Amino acid sequence: MVAAHAPRDLAVELLDDGSRRGMKQSRTMSLVESLTNVAVGYGIAVITQLVVFPLFGLSTTLAENLAMGAIFTVVSIARSFTLRRLFEAVRFCGDHV
């Protein structure tokens, strides 16, 4: 649980015994990490396509590779978000049994 009075950039976890514990990563740094992860993943996807597709006789332009990389990135973000919310729901249900 995040305390309502915590500064925007520093999350505070409220423990079961009522004590508070600072989270290890701020929201800003979580955002920076997520954006970096997406950018690196996109770059790796495009480079991999440029290398692997010709091995299978597939001929694509750079623009097509960039577009496919963007599609794969959006699908990856949606998958990651969905799984994160699912695991959070399972954790939440487990905490309230």
Protein backbone atom coordinates (compact mmCIF):
# COMPACT_ATOMS: atom_id res chain seq x y z
CA MET A 1 0.00 0.00 0.00
CA VAL A 2 1.34 3.47 -0.81
CA ALA A 3 0.80 6.17 1.80
CA ALA A 4 -1.26 9.12 0.54
CA HIS A 5 0.95 11.72 2.18
CA ALA A 6 4.22 10.46 0.65
CA PRO A 7 6.09 12.83 -1.66
CA ARG A 8 5.28 12.20 -5.33
CA ASP A 9 8.70 10.83 -6.14
CA LEU A 10 9.19 8.61 -3.10
CA ALA A 11 6.77 5.77 -2.49
CA VAL A 12 6.28 4.59 1.09
CA GLU A 13 5.00 1.12 1.79
CA LEU A 14 2.65 0.72 4.76
CA LEU A 15 3.40 -2.63 6.40
CA ASP A 16 0.87 -4.87 8.17
CA ASP A 17 2.14 -3.79 11.58
CA GLY A 18 1.47 -0.13 10.74
CA SER A 19 5.12 0.79 10.20
CA ARG A 20 6.34 2.39 7.01
CA ARG A 21 9.19 1.36 4.77
CA GLY A 22 10.64 3.31 1.86
CA MET A 23 10.45 1.57 -1.48
CA LYS A 24 13.72 0.83 -3.20
CA GLN A 25 12.90 2.73 -6.40
CA SER A 26 11.09 6.03 -6.94
CA ARG A 27 8.27 6.37 -9.45
CA THR A 28 10.47 8.56 -11.63
CA MET A 29 13.22 5.95 -11.71
CA SER A 30 10.65 3.22 -12.42
CA LEU A 31 9.47 5.26 -15.40
CA VAL A 32 13.05 5.82 -16.59
CA GLU A 33 13.73 2.08 -16.25
CA SER A 34 10.56 1.18 -18.17
CA LEU A 35 11.28 3.63 -20.99
CA THR A 36 14.88 2.41 -21.23
CA ASN A 37 13.68 -1.19 -21.33
CA VAL A 38 11.24 -0.39 -24.15
CA ALA A 39 13.84 1.56 -26.17
CA VAL A 40 16.49 -1.15 -25.80
CA GLY A 41 13.95 -3.87 -26.64
CA TYR A 42 12.86 -2.00 -29.76
CA GLY A 43 16.46 -1.57 -30.90
CA ILE A 44 17.25 -5.24 -30.30
CA ALA A 45 14.10 -6.31 -32.16
CA VAL A 46 14.97 -4.24 -35.24
CA ILE A 47 18.61 -5.34 -35.27
CA THR A 48 17.58 -8.99 -34.82
CA GLN A 49 15.13 -8.72 -37.73
CA LEU A 50 17.80 -7.15 -39.95
CA VAL A 51 20.14 -10.06 -39.18
CA VAL A 52 17.74 -13.01 -38.96
CA PHE A 53 15.21 -12.32 -41.73
CA PRO A 54 17.75 -12.69 -44.57
CA LEU A 55 18.80 -16.06 -43.10
CA PHE A 56 15.28 -17.26 -43.86
CA GLY A 57 15.11 -15.64 -47.29
CA LEU A 58 12.89 -12.79 -46.11
CA SER A 59 13.56 -9.46 -47.74
CA THR A 60 12.31 -6.36 -45.92
CA THR A 61 13.14 -2.68 -46.07
CA LEU A 62 14.43 -0.72 -43.10
CA ALA A 63 11.05 1.04 -42.86
CA GLU A 64 9.27 -2.34 -42.70
CA ASN A 65 11.67 -3.53 -40.01
CA LEU A 66 11.07 -0.36 -38.00
CA ALA A 67 7.29 -0.79 -38.32
CA MET A 68 7.42 -4.46 -37.31
CA GLY A 69 9.67 -3.60 -34.38
CA ALA A 70 7.11 -1.01 -33.25
CA ILE A 71 4.28 -3.56 -33.48
CA PHE A 72 6.28 -6.14 -31.52
CA THR A 73 7.09 -3.48 -28.91
CA VAL A 74 3.43 -2.53 -28.43
CA VAL A 75 2.48 -6.21 -28.09
CA SER A 76 5.29 -6.71 -25.56
CA ILE A 77 4.20 -3.71 -23.49
CA ALA A 78 0.58 -4.94 -23.48
CA ARG A 79 1.70 -8.45 -22.47
CA SER A 80 3.93 -7.14 -19.70
CA PHE A 81 1.24 -4.80 -18.35
CA THR A 82 -1.43 -7.53 -18.40
CA LEU A 83 0.77 -10.04 -16.60
CA ARG A 84 1.85 -7.44 -14.03
CA ARG A 85 -1.78 -6.56 -13.25
CA LEU A 86 -2.71 -10.28 -13.10
CA PHE A 87 0.08 -11.02 -10.64
CA GLU A 88 -0.86 -7.95 -8.59
CA ALA A 89 -4.48 -9.18 -8.45
CA VAL A 90 -3.31 -12.63 -7.32
CA ARG A 91 -1.05 -11.04 -4.67
CA PHE A 92 -3.90 -8.78 -3.50
CA CYS A 93 -6.30 -11.74 -3.18
CA GLY A 94 -3.66 -13.73 -1.32
CA ASP A 95 -3.13 -10.87 1.14
CA HIS A 96 -6.82 -10.70 1.99
CA VAL A 97 -7.64 -14.37 2.51
